[in-house]
């Protein structure tokens, strides 16, 4: 299933919506503007081969959501979780056939169950637009534990950051039994961003 490419006016309105939410709560929104198409492409390129069922965290205005649909992920196999109520409403309108939920990434297991989205180990990837780098270690641990509870054995957690270093410390990685590798780099993004892929050891 594919979605049409947004017009420049639609892109501008999405940027304004995103910026308004940042003004309301700059600590909860990780960037001043939505991610660009180059970064969206870098993120979707890291989906494991044969990926069918995906969860997106912190979808914002839906840049990654649209890229995943365009890459061939079926809307009914995509669960989009957004905590911000206004952004959630925007996503519901933009992607009516996907599972779009207003919720907390720390509650992912219960969200997956309540949505009847997947059984244990049936999620292939989690794509995250959350600002992990700015979060406390306790919150990082909670989100990552919740994500890997629903991911299959070979599942990937795909995250971007504006730093060249992974957003999780070696201590947190060791505690959770995770490895990380560097994926693509989106130099045209504003600001430039690096993609990291987390998986179980």
N, C-alpha and C. Protein backbone atom coordinates (compact mmCIF):
# COMPACT_ATOMS: atom_id res chain seq x y z
N UNK A 1 0.85 -1.19 0.00
CA UNK A 1 0.00 0.00 0.00
C UNK A 1 0.88 1.24 0.00
N UNK A 2 0.56 2.23 -0.79
CA UNK A 2 1.35 3.44 -0.85
C UNK A 2 0.50 4.65 -0.53
N UNK A 3 1.18 5.74 -0.17
CA UNK A 3 0.50 6.99 0.13
C UNK A 3 1.01 8.05 -0.82
N UNK A 4 0.21 9.02 -1.20
CA UNK A 4 0.67 10.06 -2.10
C UNK A 4 1.72 10.93 -1.45
N UNK A 5 2.63 11.48 -2.28
CA UNK A 5 3.65 12.39 -1.78
C UNK A 5 2.99 13.69 -1.38
N UNK A 6 3.26 14.21 -0.17
CA UNK A 6 2.60 15.43 0.27
C UNK A 6 3.04 16.63 -0.56
N UNK A 7 2.12 17.58 -0.80
CA UNK A 7 2.44 18.80 -1.52
C UNK A 7 3.26 19.72 -0.65
N UNK A 8 3.85 20.76 -1.25
CA UNK A 8 4.67 21.70 -0.48
C UNK A 8 3.83 22.43 0.56
N UNK A 9 2.55 22.73 0.23
CA UNK A 9 1.69 23.40 1.20
C UNK A 9 1.37 22.48 2.37
N UNK A 10 1.16 21.18 2.07
CA UNK A 10 0.91 20.22 3.15
C UNK A 10 2.14 20.07 4.03
N UNK A 11 3.32 20.05 3.38
CA UNK A 11 4.56 19.93 4.15
C UNK A 11 4.75 21.14 5.05
N UNK A 12 4.42 22.33 4.53
CA UNK A 12 4.53 23.55 5.33
C UNK A 12 3.59 23.54 6.52
N UNK A 13 2.36 23.07 6.32
CA UNK A 13 1.41 23.03 7.42
C UNK A 13 1.83 22.02 8.48
N UNK A 14 2.44 20.92 8.05
CA UNK A 14 2.94 19.93 9.01
C UNK A 14 4.08 20.51 9.83
N UNK A 15 4.96 21.27 9.16
CA UNK A 15 6.08 21.89 9.88
C UNK A 15 5.57 22.89 10.91
N UNK A 16 4.52 23.65 10.57
CA UNK A 16 3.95 24.62 11.49
C UNK A 16 3.28 23.91 12.67
N UNK A 17 2.56 22.82 12.38
CA UNK A 17 1.95 22.03 13.45
C UNK A 17 3.02 21.52 14.41
N UNK A 18 4.09 20.97 13.86
CA UNK A 18 5.17 20.44 14.67
C UNK A 18 5.80 21.53 15.52
N UNK A 19 6.06 22.69 14.93
CA UNK A 19 6.69 23.80 15.64
C UNK A 19 5.80 24.31 16.76
N UNK A 20 4.49 24.36 16.52
CA UNK A 20 3.56 24.78 17.57
C UNK A 20 3.65 23.87 18.79
N UNK A 21 3.77 22.55 18.52
CA UNK A 21 3.87 21.60 19.63
C UNK A 21 5.19 21.78 20.38
N UNK A 22 6.25 22.11 19.64
CA UNK A 22 7.53 22.38 20.28
C UNK A 22 7.44 23.60 21.18
N UNK A 23 6.76 24.66 20.72
CA UNK A 23 6.61 25.86 21.53
C UNK A 23 5.86 25.57 22.83
N UNK A 24 4.86 24.67 22.74
CA UNK A 24 4.08 24.34 23.92
C UNK A 24 4.91 23.56 24.95
N UNK A 25 5.76 22.66 24.46
CA UNK A 25 6.52 21.80 25.38
C UNK A 25 7.85 21.40 24.73
N UNK A 26 8.85 22.32 24.76
CA UNK A 26 10.12 22.02 24.08
C UNK A 26 10.86 20.83 24.66
N UNK A 27 10.62 20.48 25.91
CA UNK A 27 11.31 19.33 26.50
C UNK A 27 10.75 18.01 26.00
N UNK A 28 9.51 18.02 25.54
CA UNK A 28 8.88 16.78 25.08
C UNK A 28 9.06 16.54 23.58
N UNK A 29 9.36 17.61 22.84
CA UNK A 29 9.55 17.49 21.40
C UNK A 29 11.04 17.61 21.11
N UNK A 30 11.59 16.59 20.43
CA UNK A 30 13.05 16.49 20.31
C UNK A 30 13.66 17.43 19.29
N UNK A 31 12.86 18.04 18.41
CA UNK A 31 13.42 18.87 17.35
C UNK A 31 12.49 20.04 17.07
N UNK A 32 13.03 21.04 16.36
CA UNK A 32 12.24 22.21 16.00
C UNK A 32 11.34 21.96 14.79
N UNK A 33 11.70 20.99 13.96
CA UNK A 33 10.96 20.73 12.73
C UNK A 33 10.89 19.24 12.48
N UNK A 34 9.91 18.79 11.68
CA UNK A 34 9.82 17.36 11.36
C UNK A 34 11.06 16.87 10.64
N UNK A 35 11.33 15.58 10.75
CA UNK A 35 12.46 14.98 10.05
C UNK A 35 12.27 15.08 8.54
N UNK A 36 13.38 15.14 7.81
CA UNK A 36 13.32 15.25 6.36
C UNK A 36 13.18 13.91 5.68
N UNK A 37 12.96 13.96 4.36
CA UNK A 37 12.76 12.73 3.59
C UNK A 37 14.04 11.90 3.50
N UNK A 38 15.20 12.55 3.51
CA UNK A 38 16.45 11.78 3.45
C UNK A 38 16.59 10.91 4.70
N UNK A 39 16.32 11.51 5.87
CA UNK A 39 16.40 10.74 7.12
C UNK A 39 15.35 9.63 7.13
N UNK A 40 14.15 9.92 6.64
CA UNK A 40 13.10 8.89 6.57
C UNK A 40 13.58 7.71 5.72
N UNK A 41 14.25 8.01 4.62
CA UNK A 41 14.78 6.95 3.78
C UNK A 41 15.86 6.15 4.47
N UNK A 42 16.72 6.83 5.22
CA UNK A 42 17.79 6.14 5.96
C UNK A 42 17.18 5.22 7.03
N UNK A 43 16.11 5.67 7.67
CA UNK A 43 15.46 4.87 8.71
C UNK A 43 14.81 3.62 8.11
N UNK A 44 14.05 3.79 7.06
CA UNK A 44 13.36 2.64 6.47
C UNK A 44 14.35 1.66 5.84
N UNK A 45 15.50 2.15 5.40
CA UNK A 45 16.51 1.26 4.82
C UNK A 45 17.07 0.27 5.84
N UNK A 46 16.91 0.58 7.13
CA UNK A 46 17.42 -0.29 8.19
C UNK A 46 16.41 -1.34 8.65
N UNK A 47 15.20 -1.33 8.09
CA UNK A 47 14.23 -2.36 8.45
C UNK A 47 14.79 -3.74 8.07
N UNK A 48 14.68 -4.72 8.96
CA UNK A 48 15.20 -6.05 8.64
C UNK A 48 14.57 -6.61 7.37
N UNK A 49 15.31 -7.42 6.65
CA UNK A 49 14.81 -8.03 5.43
C UNK A 49 13.54 -8.84 5.72
N UNK A 50 12.52 -8.63 4.91
CA UNK A 50 11.27 -9.36 5.10
C UNK A 50 10.36 -8.77 6.16
N UNK A 51 10.64 -7.57 6.63
CA UNK A 51 9.81 -6.94 7.66
C UNK A 51 8.37 -6.79 7.20
N UNK A 52 7.44 -7.19 8.06
CA UNK A 52 6.02 -7.04 7.77
C UNK A 52 5.30 -6.20 8.82
N UNK A 53 5.63 -6.43 10.11
CA UNK A 53 4.89 -5.76 11.18
C UNK A 53 5.82 -4.80 11.92
N UNK A 54 5.42 -3.52 11.97
CA UNK A 54 6.29 -2.47 12.52
C UNK A 54 5.52 -1.62 13.52
N UNK A 55 6.23 -1.20 14.56
CA UNK A 55 5.70 -0.21 15.51
C UNK A 55 6.53 1.06 15.37
N UNK A 56 5.85 2.20 15.31
CA UNK A 56 6.54 3.49 15.27
C UNK A 56 6.25 4.25 16.55
N UNK A 57 7.30 4.76 17.17
CA UNK A 57 7.18 5.53 18.41
C UNK A 57 7.49 7.00 18.14
N UNK A 58 6.66 7.90 18.68
CA UNK A 58 6.92 9.32 18.50
C UNK A 58 6.85 9.72 17.04
N UNK A 59 5.71 9.49 16.41
CA UNK A 59 5.60 9.66 14.95
C UNK A 59 5.53 11.11 14.51
N UNK A 60 5.25 12.04 15.42
CA UNK A 60 5.21 13.45 15.04
C UNK A 60 4.14 13.72 13.99
N UNK A 61 4.56 14.26 12.84
CA UNK A 61 3.61 14.56 11.76
C UNK A 61 3.50 13.43 10.75
N UNK A 62 4.27 12.34 10.94
CA UNK A 62 4.11 11.16 10.10
C UNK A 62 5.09 11.03 8.95
N UNK A 63 6.25 11.68 9.02
CA UNK A 63 7.23 11.59 7.94
C UNK A 63 7.72 10.15 7.77
N UNK A 64 8.08 9.50 8.90
CA UNK A 64 8.54 8.11 8.83
C UNK A 64 7.37 7.18 8.49
N UNK A 65 6.20 7.49 9.00
CA UNK A 65 5.01 6.68 8.72
C UNK A 65 4.77 6.59 7.23
N UNK A 66 4.79 7.72 6.57
CA UNK A 66 4.55 7.76 5.12
C UNK A 66 5.65 7.01 4.37
N UNK A 67 6.90 7.18 4.82
CA UNK A 67 8.01 6.49 4.16
C UNK A 67 7.86 4.98 4.28
N UNK A 68 7.42 4.50 5.43
CA UNK A 68 7.24 3.05 5.59
C UNK A 68 6.11 2.52 4.73
N UNK A 69 5.02 3.27 4.63
CA UNK A 69 3.93 2.86 3.75
C UNK A 69 4.39 2.84 2.30
N UNK A 70 5.16 3.85 1.93
CA UNK A 70 5.67 3.91 0.56
C UNK A 70 6.65 2.78 0.27
N UNK A 71 7.31 2.27 1.32
CA UNK A 71 8.28 1.19 1.13
C UNK A 71 7.61 -0.19 1.03
N UNK A 72 6.30 -0.22 1.30
CA UNK A 72 5.58 -1.48 1.15
C UNK A 72 5.01 -2.07 2.42
N UNK A 73 5.23 -1.41 3.57
CA UNK A 73 4.61 -1.89 4.81
C UNK A 73 3.11 -1.62 4.73
N UNK A 74 2.30 -2.65 4.95
CA UNK A 74 0.84 -2.49 4.89
C UNK A 74 0.35 -1.68 6.08
N UNK A 75 -0.61 -0.80 5.83
CA UNK A 75 -1.11 0.08 6.89
C UNK A 75 -1.64 -0.70 8.09
N UNK A 76 -2.31 -1.82 7.84
CA UNK A 76 -2.87 -2.60 8.94
C UNK A 76 -1.79 -3.32 9.75
N UNK A 77 -0.56 -3.35 9.22
CA UNK A 77 0.56 -3.97 9.93
C UNK A 77 1.47 -2.92 10.58
N UNK A 78 0.95 -1.70 10.69
CA UNK A 78 1.73 -0.60 11.26
C UNK A 78 0.99 -0.03 12.47
N UNK A 79 1.66 -0.06 13.62
CA UNK A 79 1.12 0.52 14.86
C UNK A 79 1.91 1.80 15.16
N UNK A 80 1.21 2.92 15.19
CA UNK A 80 1.83 4.23 15.39
C UNK A 80 1.44 4.75 16.77
N UNK A 81 2.44 5.02 17.61
CA UNK A 81 2.20 5.48 18.98
C UNK A 81 2.72 6.90 19.13
N UNK A 82 1.83 7.82 19.47
CA UNK A 82 2.20 9.23 19.65
C UNK A 82 1.57 9.74 20.93
N UNK A 83 2.39 10.34 21.81
CA UNK A 83 1.91 10.80 23.11
C UNK A 83 1.19 12.14 23.03
N UNK A 84 1.62 13.01 22.11
CA UNK A 84 1.03 14.34 21.97
C UNK A 84 -0.37 14.23 21.34
N UNK A 85 -1.38 14.76 22.01
CA UNK A 85 -2.76 14.58 21.57
C UNK A 85 -3.06 15.25 20.23
N UNK A 86 -2.51 16.44 20.01
CA UNK A 86 -2.78 17.14 18.74
C UNK A 86 -2.09 16.43 17.58
N UNK A 87 -0.85 15.99 17.79
CA UNK A 87 -0.16 15.25 16.75
C UNK A 87 -0.86 13.91 16.49
N UNK A 88 -1.37 13.28 17.55
CA UNK A 88 -2.11 12.04 17.39
C UNK A 88 -3.34 12.24 16.50
N UNK A 89 -4.06 13.34 16.72
CA UNK A 89 -5.23 13.62 15.90
C UNK A 89 -4.84 13.83 14.44
N UNK A 90 -3.74 14.51 14.21
CA UNK A 90 -3.25 14.72 12.85
C UNK A 90 -2.91 13.38 12.19
N UNK A 91 -2.25 12.50 12.93
CA UNK A 91 -1.86 11.19 12.39
C UNK A 91 -3.09 10.33 12.08
N UNK A 92 -4.07 10.38 12.95
CA UNK A 92 -5.30 9.61 12.71
C UNK A 92 -5.96 10.04 11.40
N UNK A 93 -5.95 11.35 11.15
CA UNK A 93 -6.56 11.86 9.92
C UNK A 93 -5.73 11.50 8.69
N UNK A 94 -4.41 11.53 8.84
CA UNK A 94 -3.53 11.26 7.70
C UNK A 94 -3.46 9.77 7.34
N UNK A 95 -3.56 8.91 8.36
CA UNK A 95 -3.37 7.48 8.14
C UNK A 95 -4.52 6.69 8.77
N UNK A 96 -5.73 6.81 8.21
CA UNK A 96 -6.92 6.24 8.85
C UNK A 96 -6.94 4.72 8.89
N UNK A 97 -6.16 4.04 8.05
CA UNK A 97 -6.20 2.58 8.04
C UNK A 97 -5.08 1.94 8.87
N UNK A 98 -4.18 2.76 9.40
CA UNK A 98 -3.14 2.24 10.30
C UNK A 98 -3.67 2.23 11.73
N UNK A 99 -2.99 1.50 12.61
CA UNK A 99 -3.32 1.53 14.04
C UNK A 99 -2.61 2.75 14.63
N UNK A 100 -3.34 3.81 14.92
CA UNK A 100 -2.75 5.03 15.47
C UNK A 100 -3.28 5.23 16.89
N UNK A 101 -2.37 5.25 17.85
CA UNK A 101 -2.75 5.26 19.26
C UNK A 101 -2.10 6.44 19.97
N UNK A 102 -2.87 7.11 20.82
CA UNK A 102 -2.32 8.14 21.70
C UNK A 102 -1.89 7.43 22.98
N UNK A 103 -0.59 7.27 23.17
CA UNK A 103 -0.11 6.52 24.31
C UNK A 103 1.35 6.73 24.59
N UNK A 104 1.82 6.10 25.66
CA UNK A 104 3.19 6.23 26.14
C UNK A 104 4.01 5.03 25.69
N UNK A 105 5.19 5.28 25.17
CA UNK A 105 6.06 4.20 24.69
C UNK A 105 6.43 3.21 25.78
N UNK A 106 6.38 3.66 27.03
CA UNK A 106 6.69 2.76 28.15
C UNK A 106 5.61 1.70 28.34
N UNK A 107 4.43 1.92 27.77
CA UNK A 107 3.30 1.00 27.92
C UNK A 107 3.08 0.17 26.66
N UNK A 108 4.13 -0.07 25.91
CA UNK A 108 3.99 -0.69 24.60
C UNK A 108 3.35 -2.07 24.65
N UNK A 109 3.72 -2.88 25.62
CA UNK A 109 3.15 -4.23 25.70
C UNK A 109 1.64 -4.19 25.83
N UNK A 110 1.14 -3.33 26.70
CA UNK A 110 -0.31 -3.24 26.89
C UNK A 110 -0.99 -2.62 25.68
N UNK A 111 -0.33 -1.66 25.01
CA UNK A 111 -0.90 -1.06 23.80
C UNK A 111 -1.04 -2.11 22.70
N UNK A 112 0.01 -2.91 22.51
CA UNK A 112 -0.02 -3.97 21.50
C UNK A 112 -1.15 -4.95 21.79
N UNK A 113 -1.30 -5.30 23.06
CA UNK A 113 -2.35 -6.24 23.47
C UNK A 113 -3.74 -5.63 23.26
N UNK A 114 -3.92 -4.40 23.71
CA UNK A 114 -5.23 -3.75 23.60
C UNK A 114 -5.65 -3.53 22.15
N UNK A 115 -4.68 -3.28 21.29
CA UNK A 115 -4.96 -3.07 19.86
C UNK A 115 -5.09 -4.39 19.11
N UNK A 116 -4.80 -5.50 19.81
CA UNK A 116 -4.80 -6.81 19.16
C UNK A 116 -3.92 -6.78 17.91
N UNK A 117 -2.75 -6.14 18.08
CA UNK A 117 -1.87 -5.87 16.94
C UNK A 117 -0.96 -7.04 16.61
N UNK A 118 -0.46 -7.73 17.63
CA UNK A 118 0.51 -8.80 17.38
C UNK A 118 0.59 -9.72 18.59
N UNK A 119 1.00 -10.95 18.32
CA UNK A 119 1.29 -11.88 19.40
C UNK A 119 2.72 -11.71 19.87
N UNK A 120 3.11 -12.46 20.86
CA UNK A 120 4.47 -12.37 21.40
C UNK A 120 5.50 -12.68 20.31
N UNK A 121 6.46 -11.79 20.17
CA UNK A 121 7.54 -12.01 19.23
C UNK A 121 7.17 -11.84 17.77
N UNK A 122 6.03 -11.22 17.48
CA UNK A 122 5.58 -11.08 16.09
C UNK A 122 5.88 -9.71 15.48
N UNK A 123 6.51 -8.82 16.25
CA UNK A 123 6.87 -7.50 15.72
C UNK A 123 8.29 -7.57 15.16
N UNK A 124 8.46 -7.13 13.93
CA UNK A 124 9.77 -7.22 13.27
C UNK A 124 10.68 -6.04 13.59
N UNK A 125 10.10 -4.85 13.79
CA UNK A 125 10.94 -3.67 14.02
C UNK A 125 10.18 -2.61 14.77
N UNK A 126 10.91 -1.83 15.54
CA UNK A 126 10.39 -0.62 16.17
C UNK A 126 11.19 0.55 15.59
N UNK A 127 10.49 1.51 15.01
CA UNK A 127 11.12 2.71 14.44
C UNK A 127 10.81 3.88 15.37
N UNK A 128 11.84 4.52 15.87
CA UNK A 128 11.65 5.52 16.92
C UNK A 128 12.09 6.92 16.51
N UNK A 129 11.17 7.87 16.72
CA UNK A 129 11.48 9.27 16.56
C UNK A 129 11.55 9.98 17.90
N UNK A 130 11.65 9.20 18.97
CA UNK A 130 11.73 9.76 20.32
C UNK A 130 13.09 10.41 20.57
N UNK A 131 13.12 11.39 21.45
CA UNK A 131 14.37 12.05 21.80
C UNK A 131 15.10 11.31 22.91
N UNK A 132 15.55 10.10 22.64
CA UNK A 132 16.21 9.28 23.66
C UNK A 132 17.39 9.98 24.30
N UNK A 133 18.13 10.74 23.50
CA UNK A 133 19.36 11.36 23.98
C UNK A 133 19.10 12.34 25.12
N UNK A 134 17.92 12.95 25.13
CA UNK A 134 17.61 13.95 26.16
C UNK A 134 16.87 13.36 27.36
N UNK A 135 16.65 12.05 27.35
CA UNK A 135 15.89 11.40 28.42
C UNK A 135 16.80 10.91 29.54
N UNK A 136 16.23 10.72 30.71
CA UNK A 136 16.97 10.12 31.81
C UNK A 136 17.24 8.66 31.49
N UNK A 137 18.24 8.10 32.16
CA UNK A 137 18.56 6.69 31.92
C UNK A 137 17.41 5.78 32.34
N UNK A 138 16.70 6.15 33.39
CA UNK A 138 15.56 5.33 33.83
C UNK A 138 14.49 5.27 32.74
N UNK A 139 14.21 6.41 32.12
CA UNK A 139 13.21 6.45 31.06
C UNK A 139 13.71 5.70 29.82
N UNK A 140 14.97 5.85 29.50
CA UNK A 140 15.55 5.09 28.39
C UNK A 140 15.37 3.59 28.61
N UNK A 141 15.72 3.13 29.81
CA UNK A 141 15.59 1.70 30.13
C UNK A 141 14.15 1.23 29.98
N UNK A 142 13.21 2.03 30.49
CA UNK A 142 11.80 1.65 30.44
C UNK A 142 11.32 1.52 29.00
N UNK A 143 11.67 2.46 28.15
CA UNK A 143 11.24 2.42 26.75
C UNK A 143 11.86 1.24 26.03
N UNK A 144 13.16 1.02 26.22
CA UNK A 144 13.84 -0.07 25.51
C UNK A 144 13.34 -1.43 25.98
N UNK A 145 13.13 -1.59 27.28
CA UNK A 145 12.59 -2.86 27.79
C UNK A 145 11.22 -3.12 27.18
N UNK A 146 10.38 -2.09 27.16
CA UNK A 146 9.03 -2.23 26.62
C UNK A 146 9.08 -2.62 25.14
N UNK A 147 10.00 -2.00 24.39
CA UNK A 147 10.11 -2.30 22.96
C UNK A 147 10.57 -3.73 22.73
N UNK A 148 11.58 -4.18 23.46
CA UNK A 148 12.11 -5.52 23.21
C UNK A 148 11.22 -6.62 23.78
N UNK A 149 10.26 -6.25 24.62
CA UNK A 149 9.27 -7.23 25.07
C UNK A 149 8.36 -7.65 23.91
N UNK A 150 8.15 -6.76 22.94
CA UNK A 150 7.23 -7.07 21.84
C UNK A 150 7.97 -7.46 20.56
N UNK A 151 9.26 -7.16 20.48
CA UNK A 151 10.03 -7.50 19.28
C UNK A 151 10.33 -8.99 19.22
N UNK A 152 10.37 -9.51 18.00
CA UNK A 152 10.76 -10.90 17.79
C UNK A 152 12.25 -11.08 18.06
N UNK A 153 12.72 -12.33 18.08
CA UNK A 153 14.13 -12.63 18.41
C UNK A 153 15.13 -11.88 17.53
N UNK A 154 14.81 -11.69 16.26
CA UNK A 154 15.72 -10.98 15.37
C UNK A 154 15.29 -9.55 15.10
N UNK A 155 14.42 -9.03 15.95
CA UNK A 155 13.87 -7.69 15.73
C UNK A 155 14.87 -6.58 15.97
N UNK A 156 14.63 -5.45 15.34
CA UNK A 156 15.51 -4.28 15.44
C UNK A 156 14.77 -3.08 16.00
N UNK A 157 15.49 -2.30 16.79
CA UNK A 157 14.99 -1.01 17.28
C UNK A 157 15.81 0.05 16.55
N UNK A 158 15.15 0.82 15.69
CA UNK A 158 15.83 1.77 14.81
C UNK A 158 15.58 3.19 15.32
N UNK A 159 16.65 3.89 15.62
CA UNK A 159 16.58 5.19 16.29
C UNK A 159 17.51 6.17 15.59
N UNK A 160 17.07 7.43 15.46
CA UNK A 160 18.01 8.44 14.96
C UNK A 160 18.37 9.39 16.09
N UNK A 161 19.49 10.06 15.95
CA UNK A 161 19.91 11.05 16.92
C UNK A 161 20.71 12.12 16.21
N UNK A 162 20.77 13.31 16.79
CA UNK A 162 21.54 14.40 16.21
C UNK A 162 23.00 14.38 16.67
N UNK A 163 23.35 13.37 17.43
CA UNK A 163 24.73 13.20 17.88
C UNK A 163 25.39 12.08 17.08
N UNK A 164 26.71 12.15 16.87
CA UNK A 164 27.40 11.05 16.18
C UNK A 164 27.56 9.81 17.06
N UNK A 165 27.23 9.95 18.34
CA UNK A 165 27.34 8.84 19.28
C UNK A 165 25.96 8.24 19.55
N UNK A 166 25.91 6.93 19.86
CA UNK A 166 24.62 6.31 20.19
C UNK A 166 23.94 7.01 21.36
N UNK A 167 22.61 7.06 21.38
CA UNK A 167 21.90 7.75 22.45
C UNK A 167 21.86 6.97 23.77
N UNK A 168 22.27 5.70 23.76
CA UNK A 168 22.31 4.91 24.99
C UNK A 168 23.76 4.65 25.38
N UNK A 169 24.04 4.77 26.67
CA UNK A 169 25.40 4.55 27.15
C UNK A 169 25.74 3.06 27.11
N UNK A 170 27.03 2.77 27.17
CA UNK A 170 27.48 1.37 27.22
C UNK A 170 26.90 0.68 28.44
N UNK A 171 26.77 1.39 29.54
CA UNK A 171 26.22 0.80 30.77
C UNK A 171 24.79 0.33 30.56
N UNK A 172 23.97 1.17 29.91
CA UNK A 172 22.57 0.80 29.67
C UNK A 172 22.49 -0.35 28.67
N UNK A 173 23.33 -0.32 27.64
CA UNK A 173 23.34 -1.41 26.66
C UNK A 173 23.68 -2.74 27.32
N UNK A 174 24.71 -2.73 28.18
CA UNK A 174 25.12 -3.96 28.87
C UNK A 174 24.02 -4.46 29.80
N UNK A 175 23.39 -3.53 30.50
CA UNK A 175 22.34 -3.90 31.45
C UNK A 175 21.16 -4.57 30.73
N UNK A 176 20.83 -4.08 29.53
CA UNK A 176 19.68 -4.61 28.78
C UNK A 176 20.05 -5.73 27.83
N UNK A 177 21.35 -6.02 27.72
CA UNK A 177 21.79 -7.10 26.83
C UNK A 177 21.62 -6.76 25.37
N UNK A 178 21.94 -5.52 25.01
CA UNK A 178 21.76 -5.05 23.64
C UNK A 178 23.07 -4.71 22.97
N UNK A 179 23.07 -4.78 21.65
CA UNK A 179 24.19 -4.28 20.85
C UNK A 179 23.68 -3.14 19.98
N UNK A 180 24.59 -2.32 19.50
CA UNK A 180 24.20 -1.21 18.63
C UNK A 180 25.19 -1.11 17.48
N UNK A 181 24.68 -0.77 16.32
CA UNK A 181 25.54 -0.48 15.17
C UNK A 181 25.07 0.81 14.51
N UNK A 182 26.01 1.48 13.88
CA UNK A 182 25.70 2.72 13.19
C UNK A 182 25.09 2.40 11.83
N UNK A 183 23.98 3.04 11.52
CA UNK A 183 23.36 2.89 10.22
C UNK A 183 23.72 4.06 9.32
N UNK A 184 22.73 4.59 8.61
CA UNK A 184 22.99 5.67 7.67
C UNK A 184 23.15 7.02 8.35
N UNK A 185 23.62 7.99 7.56
CA UNK A 185 23.79 9.37 8.03
C UNK A 185 23.04 10.29 7.07
N UNK A 186 22.13 11.09 7.61
CA UNK A 186 21.33 12.00 6.79
C UNK A 186 21.91 13.40 6.91
N UNK A 187 22.82 13.74 6.01
CA UNK A 187 23.50 15.03 6.11
C UNK A 187 22.62 16.18 5.66
N UNK A 188 21.58 15.88 4.86
CA UNK A 188 20.69 16.96 4.41
C UNK A 188 19.59 17.25 5.42
N UNK A 189 19.49 16.44 6.45
CA UNK A 189 18.48 16.71 7.47
C UNK A 189 18.87 17.96 8.25
N UNK A 190 17.90 18.63 8.87
CA UNK A 190 18.17 19.83 9.66
C UNK A 190 17.70 19.60 11.09
N UNK A 191 18.66 19.39 12.04
CA UNK A 191 20.10 19.24 11.82
C UNK A 191 20.44 17.85 11.28
N UNK A 192 21.68 17.65 10.77
CA UNK A 192 22.09 16.33 10.30
C UNK A 192 21.89 15.27 11.39
N UNK A 193 21.55 14.05 10.95
CA UNK A 193 21.20 13.01 11.92
C UNK A 193 21.85 11.68 11.55
N UNK A 194 22.14 10.89 12.59
CA UNK A 194 22.72 9.57 12.43
C UNK A 194 21.70 8.53 12.86
N UNK A 195 21.62 7.43 12.12
CA UNK A 195 20.71 6.34 12.46
C UNK A 195 21.49 5.24 13.18
N UNK A 196 20.93 4.74 14.26
CA UNK A 196 21.51 3.63 15.01
C UNK A 196 20.51 2.49 15.09
N UNK A 197 21.01 1.27 15.05
CA UNK A 197 20.15 0.08 15.09
C UNK A 197 20.53 -0.77 16.30
N UNK A 198 19.56 -1.00 17.19
CA UNK A 198 19.77 -1.78 18.40
C UNK A 198 19.17 -3.17 18.23
N UNK A 199 19.84 -4.16 18.74
CA UNK A 199 19.32 -5.53 18.68
C UNK A 199 19.80 -6.31 19.89
N UNK A 200 19.19 -7.48 20.11
CA UNK A 200 19.62 -8.32 21.23
C UNK A 200 20.97 -8.97 20.93
N UNK A 201 21.73 -9.20 21.97
CA UNK A 201 23.01 -9.90 21.79
C UNK A 201 22.76 -11.35 21.51
